[in-house]
C-alpha cells in the first residue's frame, strides 16, 4: 500500500497544480471511504462473540433404529388410490352415522330417565 502511495506521489510531481490538486482530492476521498469501511468492520467484530460456544455433548439415548421392512415403496395405481379414497369415505360416513345414533340414544335415555322420575314421583 505504501508502494502504491509512493508511486502516486512520484507521478504527481509531473502534473500541473490543478491536476495534482484533483488527484489529491480523489486520494483523500478514497481514504475516507476505506476508513469508514474499516470502522464498520471493527463494529461488526465487536458485536460478534469472541469465541464459538462449546459443542453439545452427543446424545447417546438417540440411536438409529433398525428398519424392519423395506424402505422402498411403490406408488399406487389410479385404481388403488380411488379404492383407498372410497374406503376412507365410507369409514367416515359410518362413523358419522354412529355418532348420530349415539347422540339420539343419549337423548332417549335422558327422556326415559325423566319419565321414570315423574312416574316415581306420582306413585
PDB file of N, CA and C in Angstrom:
ATOM      1  N   UNK A   1       0.822  -1.173   0.000  1.00  0.00           N
ATOM      2  CA  UNK A   1       0.000   0.000   0.000  1.00  0.00           C
ATOM      3  C   UNK A   1       0.881   1.257   0.000  1.00  0.00           C
ATOM      4  N   UNK A   2       1.942   1.176   0.784  1.00  0.00           N
ATOM      5  CA  UNK A   2       2.866   2.316   0.817  1.00  0.00           C
ATOM      6  C   UNK A   2       3.539   2.508  -0.530  1.00  0.00           C
ATOM      7  N   UNK A   3       3.848   1.403  -1.215  1.00  0.00           N
ATOM      8  CA  UNK A   3       4.483   1.495  -2.529  1.00  0.00           C
ATOM      9  C   UNK A   3       3.569   2.187  -3.527  1.00  0.00           C
ATOM     10  N   UNK A   4       2.285   1.844  -3.494  1.00  0.00           N
ATOM     11  CA  UNK A   4       1.355   2.477  -4.430  1.00  0.00           C
ATOM     12  C   UNK A   4       1.228   3.963  -4.114  1.00  0.00           C
ATOM     13  N   UNK A   5       1.256   4.310  -2.835  1.00  0.00           N
ATOM     14  CA  UNK A   5       1.180   5.714  -2.453  1.00  0.00           C
ATOM     15  C   UNK A   5       2.422   6.469  -2.925  1.00  0.00           C
ATOM     16  N   UNK A   6       3.600   5.859  -2.786  1.00  0.00           N
ATOM     17  CA  UNK A   6       4.843   6.480  -3.258  1.00  0.00           C
ATOM     18  C   UNK A   6       4.820   6.667  -4.767  1.00  0.00           C
ATOM     19  N   UNK A   7       4.304   5.672  -5.495  1.00  0.00           N
ATOM     20  CA  UNK A   7       4.208   5.781  -6.963  1.00  0.00           C
ATOM     21  C   UNK A   7       3.304   6.939  -7.354  1.00  0.00           C
ATOM     22  N   UNK A   8       2.202   7.102  -6.632  1.00  0.00           N
ATOM     23  CA  UNK A   8       1.300   8.217  -6.924  1.00  0.00           C
ATOM     24  C   UNK A   8       1.990   9.560  -6.698  1.00  0.00           C
ATOM     25  N   UNK A   9       2.747   9.669  -5.612  1.00  0.00           N
ATOM     26  CA  UNK A   9       3.443  10.924  -5.331  1.00  0.00           C
ATOM     27  C   UNK A   9       4.499  11.233  -6.389  1.00  0.00           C
ATOM     28  N   UNK A  10       5.186  10.199  -6.870  1.00  0.00           N
ATOM     29  CA  UNK A  10       6.197  10.408  -7.912  1.00  0.00           C
ATOM     30  C   UNK A  10       5.553  10.894  -9.204  1.00  0.00           C
ATOM     31  N   UNK A  11       4.428  10.300  -9.566  1.00  0.00           N
ATOM     32  CA  UNK A  11       3.754  10.693 -10.801  1.00  0.00           C
ATOM     33  C   UNK A  11       3.073  12.054 -10.652  1.00  0.00           C
ATOM     34  N   UNK A  12       2.733  12.405  -9.428  1.00  0.00           N
ATOM     35  CA  UNK A  12       2.085  13.689  -9.188  1.00  0.00           C
ATOM     36  C   UNK A  12       3.033  14.852  -9.456  1.00  0.00           C
ATOM     37  N   UNK A  13       4.314  14.632  -9.256  1.00  0.00           N
ATOM     38  CA  UNK A  13       5.289  15.717  -9.451  1.00  0.00           C
ATOM     39  C   UNK A  13       5.338  16.186 -10.905  1.00  0.00           C
ATOM     40  N   UNK A  14       4.968  15.310 -11.857  1.00  0.00           N
ATOM     41  CA  UNK A  14       4.986  15.688 -13.263  1.00  0.00           C
ATOM     42  C   UNK A  14       3.693  16.341 -13.719  1.00  0.00           C
ATOM     43  N   UNK A  15       2.694  16.482 -12.844  1.00  0.00           N
ATOM     44  CA  UNK A  15       1.402  17.057 -13.225  1.00  0.00           C
ATOM     45  C   UNK A  15       1.351  18.548 -12.910  1.00  0.00           C
ATOM     46  N   UNK A  16       0.383  19.226 -13.525  1.00  0.00           N
ATOM     47  CA  UNK A  16       0.179  20.639 -13.203  1.00  0.00           C
ATOM     48  C   UNK A  16      -0.446  20.750 -11.818  1.00  0.00           C
ATOM     49  N   UNK A  17      -0.488  21.977 -11.292  1.00  0.00           N
ATOM     50  CA  UNK A  17      -1.009  22.170  -9.937  1.00  0.00           C
ATOM     51  C   UNK A  17      -2.492  21.801  -9.842  1.00  0.00           C
ATOM     52  N   UNK A  18      -3.284  22.101 -10.881  1.00  0.00           N
ATOM     53  CA  UNK A  18      -4.714  21.767 -10.853  1.00  0.00           C
ATOM     54  C   UNK A  18      -4.929  20.256 -10.886  1.00  0.00           C
ATOM     55  N   UNK A  19      -4.173  19.594 -11.755  1.00  0.00           N
ATOM     56  CA  UNK A  19      -4.278  18.140 -11.854  1.00  0.00           C
ATOM     57  C   UNK A  19      -3.803  17.470 -10.566  1.00  0.00           C
ATOM     58  N   UNK A  20      -2.752  18.008  -9.997  1.00  0.00           N
ATOM     59  CA  UNK A  20      -2.223  17.485  -8.752  1.00  0.00           C
ATOM     60  C   UNK A  20      -3.240  17.637  -7.622  1.00  0.00           C
ATOM     61  N   UNK A  21      -3.886  18.792  -7.574  1.00  0.00           N
ATOM     62  CA  UNK A  21      -4.892  19.031  -6.535  1.00  0.00           C
ATOM     63  C   UNK A  21      -6.089  18.095  -6.722  1.00  0.00           C
ATOM     64  N   UNK A  22      -6.507  17.884  -7.963  1.00  0.00           N
ATOM     65  CA  UNK A  22      -7.625  16.985  -8.264  1.00  0.00           C
ATOM     66  C   UNK A  22      -7.293  15.548  -7.823  1.00  0.00           C
ATOM     67  N   UNK A  23      -6.050  15.120  -8.121  1.00  0.00           N
ATOM     68  CA  UNK A  23      -5.598  13.789  -7.727  1.00  0.00           C
ATOM     69  C   UNK A  23      -5.588  13.640  -6.205  1.00  0.00           C
ATOM     70  N   UNK A  24      -5.135  14.648  -5.490  1.00  0.00           N
ATOM     71  CA  UNK A  24      -5.091  14.595  -4.028  1.00  0.00           C
ATOM     72  C   UNK A  24      -6.506  14.512  -3.438  1.00  0.00           C
ATOM     73  N   UNK A  25      -7.458  15.248  -4.038  1.00  0.00           N
ATOM     74  CA  UNK A  25      -8.849  15.168  -3.555  1.00  0.00           C
ATOM     75  C   UNK A  25      -9.402  13.748  -3.707  1.00  0.00           C
ATOM     76  N   UNK A  26      -9.093  13.128  -4.851  1.00  0.00           N
ATOM     77  CA  UNK A  26      -9.546  11.755  -5.069  1.00  0.00           C
ATOM     78  C   UNK A  26      -8.922  10.809  -4.044  1.00  0.00           C
ATOM     79  N   UNK A  27      -7.651  11.009  -3.755  1.00  0.00           N
ATOM     80  CA  UNK A  27      -6.979  10.147  -2.778  1.00  0.00           C
ATOM     81  C   UNK A  27      -7.590  10.315  -1.388  1.00  0.00           C
ATOM     82  N   UNK A  28      -7.877  11.538  -0.994  1.00  0.00           N
ATOM     83  CA  UNK A  28      -8.477  11.795   0.314  1.00  0.00           C
ATOM     84  C   UNK A  28      -9.859  11.158   0.389  1.00  0.00           C
ATOM     85  N   UNK A  29     -10.618  11.282  -0.697  1.00  0.00           N
ATOM     86  CA  UNK A  29     -11.965  10.714  -0.725  1.00  0.00           C
ATOM     87  C   UNK A  29     -11.913   9.191  -0.601  1.00  0.00           C
ATOM     88  N   UNK A  30     -11.011   8.558  -1.352  1.00  0.00           N
ATOM     89  CA  UNK A  30     -10.913   7.092  -1.280  1.00  0.00           C
ATOM     90  C   UNK A  30     -10.409   6.642   0.094  1.00  0.00           C
ATOM     91  N   UNK A  31      -9.491   7.409   0.686  1.00  0.00           N
ATOM     92  CA  UNK A  31      -9.012   7.075   2.032  1.00  0.00           C
ATOM     93  C   UNK A  31     -10.137   7.181   3.062  1.00  0.00           C
ATOM     94  N   UNK A  32     -10.969   8.212   2.936  1.00  0.00           N
ATOM     95  CA  UNK A  32     -12.098   8.352   3.861  1.00  0.00           C
ATOM     96  C   UNK A  32     -13.070   7.189   3.730  1.00  0.00           C
ATOM     97  N   UNK A  33     -13.308   6.739   2.498  1.00  0.00           N
ATOM     98  CA  UNK A  33     -14.190   5.588   2.293  1.00  0.00           C
ATOM     99  C   UNK A  33     -13.595   4.331   2.917  1.00  0.00           C
ATOM    100  N   UNK A  34     -12.309   4.135   2.737  1.00  0.00           N
ATOM    101  CA  UNK A  34     -11.646   2.970   3.328  1.00  0.00           C
ATOM    102  C   UNK A  34     -11.699   3.016   4.851  1.00  0.00           C
ATOM    103  N   UNK A  35     -11.487   4.194   5.418  1.00  0.00           N
ATOM    104  CA  UNK A  35     -11.545   4.322   6.873  1.00  0.00           C
ATOM    105  C   UNK A  35     -12.955   4.023   7.400  1.00  0.00           C
ATOM    106  N   UNK A  36     -13.974   4.471   6.677  1.00  0.00           N
ATOM    107  CA  UNK A  36     -15.351   4.193   7.089  1.00  0.00           C
ATOM    108  C   UNK A  36     -15.622   2.691   7.043  1.00  0.00           C
ATOM    109  N   UNK A  37     -15.142   2.004   6.009  1.00  0.00           N
ATOM    110  CA  UNK A  37     -15.332   0.554   5.907  1.00  0.00           C
ATOM    111  C   UNK A  37     -14.610  -0.171   7.034  1.00  0.00           C
ATOM    112  N   UNK A  38     -13.398   0.283   7.364  1.00  0.00           N
ATOM    113  CA  UNK A  38     -12.639  -0.343   8.462  1.00  0.00           C
ATOM    114  C   UNK A  38     -13.374  -0.163   9.781  1.00  0.00           C
ATOM    115  N   UNK A  39     -13.920   1.012  10.027  1.00  0.00           N
ATOM    116  CA  UNK A  39     -14.673   1.236  11.272  1.00  0.00           C
ATOM    117  C   UNK A  39     -15.922   0.366  11.322  1.00  0.00           C
ATOM    118  N   UNK A  40     -16.603   0.201  10.189  1.00  0.00           N
ATOM    119  CA  UNK A  40     -17.787  -0.665  10.155  1.00  0.00           C
ATOM    120  C   UNK A  40     -17.406  -2.111  10.457  1.00  0.00           C
ATOM    121  N   UNK A  41     -16.275  -2.568   9.898  1.00  0.00           N
ATOM    122  CA  UNK A  41     -15.817  -3.934  10.171  1.00  0.00           C
ATOM    123  C   UNK A  41     -15.445  -4.116  11.639  1.00  0.00           C
ATOM    124  N   UNK A  42     -14.829  -3.114  12.230  1.00  0.00           N
ATOM    125  CA  UNK A  42     -14.485  -3.192  13.653  1.00  0.00           C
ATOM    126  C   UNK A  42     -15.741  -3.282  14.509  1.00  0.00           C
ATOM    127  N   UNK A  43     -16.767  -2.518  14.147  1.00  0.00           N
ATOM    128  CA  UNK A  43     -18.025  -2.559  14.905  1.00  0.00           C
ATOM    129  C   UNK A  43     -18.663  -3.930  14.795  1.00  0.00           C
ATOM    130  N   UNK A  44     -18.613  -4.544  13.619  1.00  0.00           N
ATOM    131  CA  UNK A  44     -19.164  -5.890  13.450  1.00  0.00           C
ATOM    132  C   UNK A  44     -18.381  -6.901  14.269  1.00  0.00           C
ATOM    133  N   UNK A  45     -17.057  -6.764  14.300  1.00  0.00           N
ATOM    134  CA  UNK A  45     -16.238  -7.698  15.075  1.00  0.00           C
ATOM    135  C   UNK A  45     -16.507  -7.572  16.573  1.00  0.00           C
ATOM    136  N   UNK A  46     -16.796  -6.364  17.030  1.00  0.00           N
ATOM    137  CA  UNK A  46     -17.085  -6.188  18.457  1.00  0.00           C
ATOM    138  C   UNK A  46     -18.419  -6.806  18.829  1.00  0.00           C
ATOM    139  N   UNK A  47     -19.373  -6.843  17.898  1.00  0.00           N
ATOM    140  CA  UNK A  47     -20.678  -7.428  18.183  1.00  0.00           C
ATOM    141  C   UNK A  47     -20.627  -8.953  18.181  1.00  0.00           C
ATOM    142  N   UNK A  48     -19.727  -9.537  17.431  1.00  0.00           N
ATOM    143  CA  UNK A  48     -19.617 -10.992  17.362  1.00  0.00           C
ATOM    144  C   UNK A  48     -19.006 -11.521  18.658  1.00  0.00           C
ATOM    145  N   UNK A  49     -19.422 -12.727  19.078  1.00  0.00           N
ATOM    146  CA  UNK A  49     -18.818 -13.302  20.287  1.00  0.00           C
ATOM    147  C   UNK A  49     -17.344 -13.609  20.045  1.00  0.00           C
ATOM    148  N   UNK A  50     -16.503 -13.511  21.089  1.00  0.00           N
ATOM    149  CA  UNK A  50     -15.063 -13.712  20.898  1.00  0.00           C
ATOM    150  C   UNK A  50     -14.701 -15.133  20.482  1.00  0.00           C
ATOM    151  N   UNK A  51     -15.485 -16.121  20.905  1.00  0.00           N
ATOM    152  CA  UNK A  51     -15.209 -17.490  20.502  1.00  0.00           C
ATOM    153  C   UNK A  51     -16.513 -18.257  20.376  1.00  0.00           C
ATOM    154  N   UNK A  52     -16.446 -19.368  19.702  1.00  0.00           N
ATOM    155  CA  UNK A  52     -17.639 -20.184  19.490  1.00  0.00           C
ATOM    156  C   UNK A  52     -18.050 -20.870  20.794  1.00  0.00           C
ATOM    157  N   UNK A  53     -19.344 -21.133  20.971  1.00  0.00           N
ATOM    158  CA  UNK A  53     -19.767 -21.854  22.169  1.00  0.00           C
ATOM    159  C   UNK A  53     -19.259 -23.287  22.120  1.00  0.00           C
ATOM    160  N   UNK A  54     -19.141 -23.932  23.268  1.00  0.00           N
ATOM    161  CA  UNK A  54     -18.645 -25.315  23.261  1.00  0.00           C
ATOM    162  C   UNK A  54     -19.637 -26.227  22.546  1.00  0.00           C
ATOM    163  N   UNK A  55     -19.154 -27.265  21.895  1.00  0.00           N
ATOM    164  CA  UNK A  55     -20.061 -28.165  21.185  1.00  0.00           C
ATOM    165  C   UNK A  55     -20.944 -28.941  22.162  1.00  0.00           C
ATOM    166  N   UNK A  56     -22.126 -29.290  21.690  1.00  0.00           N
ATOM    167  CA  UNK A  56     -23.044 -30.047  22.525  1.00  0.00           C
ATOM    168  C   UNK A  56     -22.541 -31.470  22.677  1.00  0.00           C
ATOM    169  N   UNK A  57     -22.730 -32.068  23.858  1.00  0.00           N
ATOM    170  CA  UNK A  57     -22.308 -33.461  24.019  1.00  0.00           C
ATOM    171  C   UNK A  57     -23.227 -34.373  23.211  1.00  0.00           C
ATOM    172  N   UNK A  58     -22.701 -35.474  22.719  1.00  0.00           N
ATOM    173  CA  UNK A  58     -23.545 -36.379  21.930  1.00  0.00           C
ATOM    174  C   UNK A  58     -24.614 -37.021  22.812  1.00  0.00           C
ATOM    175  N   UNK A  59     -25.804 -37.147  22.264  1.00  0.00           N
ATOM    176  CA  UNK A  59     -26.909 -37.753  22.996  1.00  0.00           C
ATOM    177  C   UNK A  59     -26.904 -39.245  22.689  1.00  0.00           C
ATOM    178  N   UNK A  60     -26.492 -40.035  23.656  1.00  0.00           N
ATOM    179  CA  UNK A  60     -26.345 -41.467  23.438  1.00  0.00           C
ATOM    180  C   UNK A  60     -27.691 -42.193  23.432  1.00  0.00           C
ATOM    181  N   UNK A  61     -28.724 -41.563  23.980  1.00  0.00           N
ATOM    182  CA  UNK A  61     -30.020 -42.235  24.014  1.00  0.00           C
ATOM    183  C   UNK A  61     -30.685 -42.256  22.652  1.00  0.00           C
ATOM    184  N   UNK A  62     -30.252 -41.378  21.757  1.00  0.00           N
ATOM    185  CA  UNK A  62     -30.810 -41.356  20.412  1.00  0.00           C
ATOM    186  C   UNK A  62     -29.925 -42.190  19.502  1.00  0.00           C
ATOM    187  N   UNK A  63     -30.413 -43.332  19.127  1.00  0.00           N
ATOM    188  CA  UNK A  63     -29.657 -44.198  18.240  1.00  0.00           C
ATOM    189  C   UNK A  63     -30.531 -44.577  17.066  1.00  0.00           C
ATOM    190  N   UNK A  64     -29.898 -44.915  15.995  1.00  0.00           N
ATOM    191  CA  UNK A  64     -30.633 -45.314  14.804  1.00  0.00           C
ATOM    192  C   UNK A  64     -31.347 -46.642  15.076  1.00  0.00           C
ATOM    193  N   UNK A  65     -32.609 -46.694  14.699  1.00  0.00           N
ATOM    194  CA  UNK A  65     -33.355 -47.942  14.839  1.00  0.00           C
ATOM    195  C   UNK A  65     -33.228 -48.724  13.542  1.00  0.00           C
ATOM    196  N   UNK A  66     -33.237 -50.025  13.681  1.00  0.00           N
ATOM    197  CA  UNK A  66     -33.142 -50.868  12.504  1.00  0.00           C
ATOM    198  C   UNK A  66     -34.471 -50.855  11.765  1.00  0.00           C
ATOM    199  N   UNK A  67     -34.387 -50.856  10.460  1.00  0.00           N
ATOM    200  CA  UNK A  67     -35.579 -50.920   9.635  1.00  0.00           C
ATOM    201  C   UNK A  67     -36.080 -52.357   9.623  1.00  0.00           C
ATOM    202  N   UNK A  68     -37.361 -52.528   9.883  1.00  0.00           N
ATOM    203  CA  UNK A  68     -37.925 -53.881   9.900  1.00  0.00           C
ATOM    204  C   UNK A  68     -38.377 -54.314   8.519  1.00  0.00           C
ATOM    205  N   UNK A  69     -38.795 -53.350   7.736  1.00  0.00           N
ATOM    206  CA  UNK A  69     -39.273 -53.670   6.400  1.00  0.00           C
ATOM    207  C   UNK A  69     -38.460 -52.894   5.382  1.00  0.00           C
ATOM    208  N   UNK A  70     -38.703 -53.193   4.169  1.00  0.00           N
ATOM    209  CA  UNK A  70     -38.026 -52.476   3.100  1.00  0.00           C
ATOM    210  C   UNK A  70     -38.524 -51.037   3.074  1.00  0.00           C
ATOM    211  N   UNK A  71     -37.612 -50.115   2.868  1.00  0.00           N
ATOM    212  CA  UNK A  71     -37.993 -48.707   2.838  1.00  0.00           C
ATOM    213  C   UNK A  71     -38.394 -48.274   1.437  1.00  0.00           C
ATOM    214  N   UNK A  72     -38.267 -49.170   0.499  1.00  0.00           N
ATOM    215  CA  UNK A  72     -38.652 -48.832  -0.875  1.00  0.00           C
ATOM    216  C   UNK A  72     -40.131 -49.128  -1.043  1.00  0.00           C
ATOM    217  N   UNK A  73     -40.882 -48.135  -1.394  1.00  0.00           N
ATOM    218  CA  UNK A  73     -42.325 -48.282  -1.594  1.00  0.00           C
ATOM    219  C   UNK A  73     -42.649 -47.930  -3.025  1.00  0.00           C
ATOM    220  N   UNK A  74     -43.628 -48.619  -3.546  1.00  0.00           N
ATOM    221  CA  UNK A  74     -44.056 -48.293  -4.899  1.00  0.00           C
ATOM    222  C   UNK A  74     -45.238 -47.352  -4.830  1.00  0.00           C
ATOM    223  N   UNK A  75     -45.462 -46.637  -5.878  1.00  0.00           N
ATOM    224  CA  UNK A  75     -46.583 -45.700  -5.939  1.00  0.00           C
ATOM    225  C   UNK A  75     -47.870 -46.470  -6.203  1.00  0.00           C
ATOM    226  N   UNK A  76     -48.994 -45.896  -5.774  1.00  0.00           N
ATOM    227  CA  UNK A  76     -50.286 -46.527  -6.006  1.00  0.00           C
ATOM    228  C   UNK A  76     -50.742 -46.268  -7.433  1.00  0.00           C
ATOM    229  N   UNK A  77     -51.466 -47.251  -7.964  1.00  0.00           N
ATOM    230  CA  UNK A  77     -52.077 -47.026  -9.268  1.00  0.00           C
ATOM    231  C   UNK A  77     -53.335 -46.201  -9.068  1.00  0.00           C
ATOM    232  N   UNK A  78     -53.901 -45.721 -10.148  1.00  0.00           N
ATOM    233  CA  UNK A  78     -55.114 -44.909 -10.051  1.00  0.00           C
ATOM    234  C   UNK A  78     -56.260 -45.670  -9.410  1.00  0.00           C
ATOM    235  N   UNK A  79     -56.412 -46.953  -9.765  1.00  0.00           N
ATOM    236  CA  UNK A  79     -57.498 -47.762  -9.202  1.00  0.00           C
ATOM    237  C   UNK A  79     -57.292 -47.969  -7.705  1.00  0.00           C
ATOM    238  N   UNK A  80     -56.059 -48.236  -7.293  1.00  0.00           N
ATOM    239  CA  UNK A  80     -55.785 -48.439  -5.862  1.00  0.00           C
ATOM    240  C   UNK A  80     -56.031 -47.156  -5.076  1.00  0.00           C
ATOM    241  N   UNK A  81     -55.625 -46.044  -5.639  1.00  0.00           N
ATOM    242  CA  UNK A  81     -55.831 -44.770  -4.950  1.00  0.00           C
ATOM    243  C   UNK A  81     -57.319 -44.470  -4.806  1.00  0.00           C
ATOM    244  N   UNK A  82     -58.089 -44.716  -5.856  1.00  0.00           N
ATOM    245  CA  UNK A  82     -59.528 -44.453  -5.759  1.00  0.00           C
ATOM    246  C   UNK A  82     -60.197 -45.419  -4.784  1.00  0.00           C
ATOM    247  N   UNK A  83     -59.752 -46.689  -4.745  1.00  0.00           N
ATOM    248  CA  UNK A  83     -60.301 -47.647  -3.770  1.00  0.00           C
ATOM    249  C   UNK A  83     -60.030 -47.183  -2.345  1.00  0.00           C
ATOM    250  N   UNK A  84     -58.816 -46.744  -2.080  1.00  0.00           N
ATOM    251  CA  UNK A  84     -58.493 -46.267  -0.729  1.00  0.00           C
ATOM    252  C   UNK A  84     -59.320 -45.040  -0.366  1.00  0.00           C
ATOM    253  N   UNK A  85     -59.493 -44.152  -1.318  1.00  0.00           N
ATOM    254  CA  UNK A  85     -60.287 -42.953  -1.064  1.00  0.00           C
ATOM    255  C   UNK A  85     -61.736 -43.318  -0.788  1.00  0.00           C
ATOM    256  N   UNK A  86     -62.277 -44.263  -1.553  1.00  0.00           N
ATOM    257  CA  UNK A  86     -63.665 -44.691  -1.355  1.00  0.00           C
ATOM    258  C   UNK A  86     -63.831 -45.369   0.005  1.00  0.00           C
ATOM    259  N   UNK A  87     -62.890 -46.207   0.393  1.00  0.00           N
ATOM    260  CA  UNK A  87     -62.958 -46.862   1.704  1.00  0.00           C
ATOM    261  C   UNK A  87     -62.896 -45.835   2.825  1.00  0.00           C
ATOM    262  N   UNK A  88     -62.059 -44.832   2.654  1.00  0.00           N
ATOM    263  CA  UNK A  88     -61.954 -43.787   3.680  1.00  0.00           C
ATOM    264  C   UNK A  88     -63.256 -43.005   3.782  1.00  0.00           C
ATOM    265  N   UNK A  89     -63.891 -42.743   2.657  1.00  0.00           N
ATOM    266  CA  UNK A  89     -65.165 -42.017   2.678  1.00  0.00           C
ATOM    267  C   UNK A  89     -66.253 -42.844   3.354  1.00  0.00           C
ATOM    268  N   UNK A  90     -66.318 -44.140   3.056  1.00  0.00           N
ATOM    269  CA  UNK A  90     -67.340 -44.980   3.698  1.00  0.00           C
ATOM    270  C   UNK A  90     -67.078 -45.092   5.195  1.00  0.00           C
ATOM    271  N   UNK A  91     -65.800 -45.190   5.589  1.00  0.00           N
ATOM    272  CA  UNK A  91     -65.487 -45.211   7.024  1.00  0.00           C
ATOM    273  C   UNK A  91     -65.950 -43.932   7.705  1.00  0.00           C
ATOM    274  N   UNK A  92     -65.702 -42.800   7.069  1.00  0.00           N
ATOM    275  CA  UNK A  92     -66.117 -41.515   7.647  1.00  0.00           C
ATOM    276  C   UNK A  92     -67.642 -41.437   7.744  1.00  0.00           C
ATOM    277  N   UNK A  93     -68.338 -41.938   6.730  1.00  0.00           N
ATOM    278  CA  UNK A  93     -69.800 -41.907   6.760  1.00  0.00           C
ATOM    279  C   UNK A  93     -70.346 -42.803   7.868  1.00  0.00           C
ATOM    280  N   UNK A  94     -69.781 -43.999   8.027  1.00  0.00           N
ATOM    281  CA  UNK A  94     -70.270 -44.893   9.085  1.00  0.00           C
ATOM    282  C   UNK A  94     -69.965 -44.317  10.464  1.00  0.00           C
ATOM    283  N   UNK A  95     -68.817 -43.666  10.604  1.00  0.00           N
ATOM    284  CA  UNK A  95     -68.510 -43.033  11.894  1.00  0.00           C
ATOM    285  C   UNK A  95     -69.488 -41.901  12.185  1.00  0.00           C
ATOM    286  N   UNK A  96     -69.827 -41.124  11.166  1.00  0.00           N
ATOM    287  CA  UNK A  96     -70.787 -40.036  11.360  1.00  0.00           C
ATOM    288  C   UNK A  96     -72.151 -40.588  11.751  1.00  0.00           C
ATOM    289  N   UNK A  97     -72.566 -41.680  11.111  1.00  0.00           N
ATOM    290  CA  UNK A  97     -73.848 -42.312  11.463  1.00  0.00           C
ATOM    291  C   UNK A  97     -73.810 -42.832  12.895  1.00  0.00           C
ATOM    292  N   UNK A  98     -72.693 -43.432  13.270  1.00  0.00           N
ATOM    293  CA  UNK A  98     -72.573 -43.961  14.637  1.00  0.00           C
ATOM    294  C   UNK A  98     -72.671 -42.834  15.658  1.00  0.00           C
ATOM    295  N   UNK A  99     -72.084 -41.696  15.363  1.00  0.00           N
ATOM    296  CA  UNK A  99     -72.162 -40.543  16.274  1.00  0.00           C
ATOM    297  C   UNK A  99     -73.597 -40.057  16.372  1.00  0.00           C
ATOM    298  N   UNK A 100     -74.314 -40.013  15.243  1.00  0.00           N
ATOM    299  CA  UNK A 100     -75.718 -39.589  15.261  1.00  0.00           C
ATOM    300  C   UNK A 100     -76.562 -40.540  16.091  1.00  0.00           C
ATOM    301  N   UNK A 101     -76.346 -41.835  15.906  1.00  0.00           N
ATOM    302  CA  UNK A 101     -77.114 -42.833  16.664  1.00  0.00           C
ATOM    303  C   UNK A 101     -76.802 -42.721  18.153  1.00  0.00           C
ATOM    304  N   UNK A 102     -75.534 -42.521  18.487  1.00  0.00           N
ATOM    305  CA  UNK A 102     -75.156 -42.419  19.899  1.00  0.00           C
ATOM    306  C   UNK A 102     -75.795 -41.192  20.542  1.00  0.00           C
ATOM    307  N   UNK A 103     -75.820 -40.067  19.843  1.00  0.00           N
ATOM    308  CA  UNK A 103     -76.451 -38.871  20.416  1.00  0.00           C
ATOM    309  C   UNK A 103     -77.959 -39.067  20.552  1.00  0.00           C
ATOM    310  N   UNK A 104     -78.571 -39.731  19.569  1.00  0.00           N
ATOM    311  CA  UNK A 104     -80.012 -39.997  19.666  1.00  0.00           C
ATOM    312  C   UNK A 104     -80.306 -40.911  20.842  1.00  0.00           C
ATOM    313  N   UNK A 105     -79.486 -41.928  21.068  1.00  0.00           N
ATOM    314  CA  UNK A 105     -79.683 -42.834  22.208  1.00  0.00           C
ATOM    315  C   UNK A 105     -79.538 -42.100  23.539  1.00  0.00           C
ATOM    316  N   UNK A 106     -78.546 -41.204  23.619  1.00  0.00           N
ATOM    317  CA  UNK A 106     -78.376 -40.436  24.855  1.00  0.00           C
ATOM    318  C   UNK A 106     -79.604 -39.579  25.137  1.00  0.00           C
ATOM    319  N   UNK A 107     -80.137 -38.959  24.090  1.00  0.00           N
ATOM    320  CA  UNK A 107     -81.335 -38.140  24.271  1.00  0.00           C
ATOM    321  C   UNK A 107     -82.502 -38.988  24.744  1.00  0.00           C
ATOM    322  N   UNK A 108     -82.645 -40.175  24.128  1.00  0.00           N
ATOM    323  CA  UNK A 108     -83.738 -41.064  24.527  1.00  0.00           C
ATOM    324  C   UNK A 108     -83.567 -41.529  25.967  1.00  0.00           C
ATOM    325  N   UNK A 109     -82.339 -41.822  26.367  1.00  0.00           N
ATOM    326  CA  UNK A 109     -82.086 -42.277  27.738  1.00  0.00           C
ATOM    327  C   UNK A 109     -82.418 -41.171  28.737  1.00  0.00           C
ATOM    328  N   UNK A 110     -82.030 -39.948  28.405  1.00  0.00           N
ATOM    329  CA  UNK A 110     -82.350 -38.855  29.337  1.00  0.00           C
ATOM    330  C   UNK A 110     -83.849 -38.632  29.405  1.00  0.00           C
ATOM    331  N   UNK A 111     -84.561 -38.763  28.287  1.00  0.00           N
ATOM    332  CA  UNK A 111     -86.022 -38.640  28.314  1.00  0.00           C
ATOM    333  C   UNK A 111     -86.642 -39.749  29.142  1.00  0.00           C
ATOM    334  N   UNK A 112     -86.159 -40.981  28.936  1.00  0.00           N
ATOM    335  CA  UNK A 112     -86.692 -42.115  29.702  1.00  0.00           C
ATOM    336  C   UNK A 112     -86.435 -41.931  31.193  1.00  0.00           C
ATOM    337  N   UNK A 113     -85.271 -41.417  31.539  1.00  0.00           N
ATOM    338  CA  UNK A 113     -84.972 -41.187  32.955  1.00  0.00           C
ATOM    339  C   UNK A 113     -85.903 -40.144  33.549  1.00  0.00           C
ATOM    340  N   UNK A 114     -86.207 -39.107  32.769  1.00  0.00           N
ATOM    341  CA  UNK A 114     -87.129 -38.078  33.244  1.00  0.00           C
ATOM    342  C   UNK A 114     -88.530 -38.656  33.433  1.00  0.00           C
ATOM    343  N   UNK A 115     -88.970 -39.510  32.492  1.00  0.00           N
ATOM    344  CA  UNK A 115     -90.301 -40.125  32.587  1.00  0.00           C
ATOM    345  C   UNK A 115     -90.354 -41.031  33.805  1.00  0.00           C
ATOM    346  N   UNK A 116     -89.310 -41.818  34.003  1.00  0.00           N
ATOM    347  CA  UNK A 116     -89.292 -42.718  35.165  1.00  0.00           C
ATOM    348  C   UNK A 116     -89.305 -41.918  36.460  1.00  0.00           C
ATOM    349  N   UNK A 117     -88.593 -40.810  36.476  1.00  0.00           N
ATOM    350  CA  UNK A 117     -88.568 -39.978  37.667  1.00  0.00           C
ATOM    351  C   UNK A 117     -89.946 -39.374  37.934  1.00  0.00           C
ATOM    352  N   UNK A 118     -90.670 -38.954  36.894  1.00  0.00           N
ATOM    353  CA  UNK A 118     -92.011 -38.390  37.036  1.00  0.00           C
ATOM    354  C   UNK A 118     -92.991 -39.447  37.536  1.00  0.00           C
ATOM    355  N   UNK A 119     -92.869 -40.662  36.965  1.00  0.00           N
ATOM    356  CA  UNK A 119     -93.755 -41.745  37.398  1.00  0.00           C
ATOM    357  C   UNK A 119     -93.485 -42.138  38.836  1.00  0.00           C
ATOM    358  N   UNK A 120     -92.223 -42.131  39.210  1.00  0.00           N
ATOM    359  CA  UNK A 120     -91.880 -42.479  40.575  1.00  0.00           C
ATOM    360  C   UNK A 120     -92.421 -41.421  41.536  1.00  0.00           C
ATOM    361  N   UNK A 121     -92.401 -40.173  41.124  1.00  0.00           N
ATOM    362  CA  UNK A 121     -92.940 -39.094  41.972  1.00  0.00           C
ATOM    363  C   UNK A 121     -94.462 -39.210  42.143  1.00  0.00           C
ATOM    364  N   UNK A 122     -95.148 -39.668  41.072  1.00  0.00           N
ATOM    365  CA  UNK A 122     -96.591 -39.778  41.131  1.00  0.00           C
ATOM    366  C   UNK A 122     -97.030 -40.966  41.955  1.00  0.00           C
ATOM    367  N   UNK A 123     -96.258 -41.974  42.047  1.00  0.00           N
ATOM    368  CA  UNK A 123     -96.644 -43.157  42.831  1.00  0.00           C
ATOM    369  C   UNK A 123     -96.358 -42.909  44.258  1.00  0.00           C
TER     370      UNK A 123
END
